[in-house]
N, C-alpha and C. Protein backbone atom coordinates (compact mmCIF):
# COMPACT_ATOMS: atom_id res chain seq x y z
N MET A 1 -2.79 128.19 14.63
CA MET A 1 -4.15 128.52 14.33
C MET A 1 -4.99 127.31 14.15
N SER A 2 -6.13 127.25 14.74
CA SER A 2 -6.95 126.05 14.63
C SER A 2 -7.98 126.29 13.52
N SER A 3 -8.32 125.21 12.83
CA SER A 3 -9.26 125.31 11.75
C SER A 3 -10.68 125.36 12.24
N ALA A 4 -11.61 125.93 11.58
CA ALA A 4 -12.99 125.97 11.97
C ALA A 4 -13.61 124.57 11.78
N PRO A 5 -14.53 124.21 12.64
CA PRO A 5 -15.20 122.86 12.45
C PRO A 5 -16.04 122.89 11.18
N SER A 6 -15.98 121.76 10.51
CA SER A 6 -16.67 121.67 9.19
C SER A 6 -18.17 121.53 9.37
N GLN A 7 -18.61 120.96 10.47
CA GLN A 7 -20.01 120.78 10.73
C GLN A 7 -20.39 121.37 12.10
N PRO A 8 -21.59 122.01 12.21
CA PRO A 8 -22.00 122.48 13.55
C PRO A 8 -22.22 121.32 14.51
N PRO A 9 -22.07 121.59 15.80
CA PRO A 9 -22.28 120.50 16.75
C PRO A 9 -23.79 120.05 16.72
N GLU A 10 -24.00 118.79 16.90
CA GLU A 10 -25.38 118.26 16.87
C GLU A 10 -26.07 118.14 18.22
N ASP A 11 -25.40 118.74 19.26
CA ASP A 11 -25.98 118.60 20.59
C ASP A 11 -26.84 119.88 21.01
N HIS A 12 -27.35 120.66 20.02
CA HIS A 12 -28.11 121.79 20.34
C HIS A 12 -29.46 121.35 20.87
N GLU A 13 -30.07 122.18 21.69
CA GLU A 13 -31.29 121.84 22.34
C GLU A 13 -32.49 121.89 21.35
N HIS A 14 -33.56 121.17 21.59
CA HIS A 14 -34.68 121.00 20.70
C HIS A 14 -35.53 122.31 20.82
N ASP A 15 -35.88 122.87 19.64
CA ASP A 15 -36.73 124.07 19.68
C ASP A 15 -38.11 123.74 19.20
N PRO A 16 -39.11 123.93 20.09
CA PRO A 16 -40.50 123.60 19.69
C PRO A 16 -41.06 124.40 18.53
N ILE A 17 -40.51 125.57 18.28
CA ILE A 17 -40.98 126.44 17.24
C ILE A 17 -40.73 125.82 15.91
N GLU A 18 -39.62 124.94 15.78
CA GLU A 18 -39.26 124.31 14.58
C GLU A 18 -40.30 123.21 14.17
N ASP A 19 -41.01 122.74 15.17
CA ASP A 19 -42.11 121.75 14.92
C ASP A 19 -43.42 122.43 14.42
N ILE A 20 -43.62 123.65 14.85
CA ILE A 20 -44.85 124.39 14.51
C ILE A 20 -44.81 125.06 13.11
N VAL A 21 -43.60 125.48 12.74
CA VAL A 21 -43.51 126.33 11.48
C VAL A 21 -44.04 125.53 10.25
N PRO A 22 -43.82 124.23 10.08
CA PRO A 22 -44.34 123.65 8.87
C PRO A 22 -45.86 123.55 8.86
N MET A 23 -46.52 123.67 9.99
CA MET A 23 -47.99 123.64 10.04
C MET A 23 -48.62 125.00 9.88
N MET A 24 -47.87 126.06 9.75
CA MET A 24 -48.41 127.37 9.66
C MET A 24 -49.32 127.60 8.45
N PRO A 25 -49.08 127.10 7.27
CA PRO A 25 -49.96 127.29 6.19
C PRO A 25 -51.36 126.71 6.40
N ILE A 26 -51.53 125.80 7.31
CA ILE A 26 -52.81 125.16 7.67
C ILE A 26 -53.43 125.86 8.84
N VAL A 27 -52.64 126.17 9.85
CA VAL A 27 -53.14 126.70 11.10
C VAL A 27 -53.62 128.11 11.02
N LEU A 28 -52.88 128.97 10.27
CA LEU A 28 -53.25 130.37 10.15
C LEU A 28 -54.54 130.60 9.48
N PRO A 29 -54.90 130.05 8.30
CA PRO A 29 -56.20 130.25 7.71
C PRO A 29 -57.35 129.73 8.56
N ILE A 30 -57.15 128.60 9.25
CA ILE A 30 -58.19 128.10 10.08
C ILE A 30 -58.45 128.97 11.22
N GLY A 31 -57.35 129.51 11.85
CA GLY A 31 -57.50 130.44 13.00
C GLY A 31 -58.09 131.76 12.53
N GLY A 32 -57.81 132.20 11.34
CA GLY A 32 -58.40 133.40 10.82
C GLY A 32 -59.92 133.23 10.56
N ALA A 33 -60.30 132.06 10.01
CA ALA A 33 -61.72 131.76 9.75
C ALA A 33 -62.51 131.74 11.04
N VAL A 34 -61.94 131.09 12.05
CA VAL A 34 -62.65 131.06 13.39
C VAL A 34 -62.73 132.45 13.94
N LEU A 35 -61.74 133.23 13.82
CA LEU A 35 -61.77 134.61 14.41
C LEU A 35 -62.82 135.45 13.69
N ILE A 36 -62.87 135.35 12.36
CA ILE A 36 -63.88 136.08 11.57
C ILE A 36 -65.29 135.62 11.94
N PHE A 37 -65.52 134.32 12.11
CA PHE A 37 -66.80 133.77 12.45
C PHE A 37 -67.21 134.31 13.87
N LEU A 38 -66.33 134.28 14.83
CA LEU A 38 -66.62 134.78 16.16
C LEU A 38 -66.94 136.26 16.17
N LEU A 39 -66.18 137.02 15.40
CA LEU A 39 -66.47 138.49 15.33
C LEU A 39 -67.83 138.76 14.71
N ALA A 40 -68.14 137.98 13.62
CA ALA A 40 -69.43 138.15 12.98
C ALA A 40 -70.55 137.69 13.89
N PHE A 41 -70.37 136.69 14.69
CA PHE A 41 -71.39 136.24 15.59
C PHE A 41 -71.63 137.28 16.66
N ILE A 42 -70.53 137.93 17.16
CA ILE A 42 -70.75 138.96 18.19
C ILE A 42 -71.45 140.17 17.56
N ALA A 43 -71.12 140.52 16.35
CA ALA A 43 -71.74 141.64 15.74
C ALA A 43 -73.23 141.44 15.55
N VAL A 44 -73.60 140.23 15.11
CA VAL A 44 -75.03 139.97 14.85
C VAL A 44 -75.79 139.86 16.18
N SER A 45 -75.20 139.32 17.18
CA SER A 45 -75.87 139.24 18.46
C SER A 45 -76.03 140.57 19.15
N MET A 46 -75.17 141.48 18.87
CA MET A 46 -75.25 142.86 19.45
C MET A 46 -76.26 143.70 18.68
N ALA A 47 -76.58 143.37 17.42
CA ALA A 47 -77.44 144.19 16.56
C ALA A 47 -78.92 143.99 16.98
């Protein structure tokens, strides 16, 4: 029987999602504010 490796291999491919996840607390509120502003602008312009 062979023993299991103690550490996972380090040759896994780079995942771009791992770079974006730490920025989510900043990006999501800004995106939400822009979306609300655009929807309010459309509502006012249609009225």
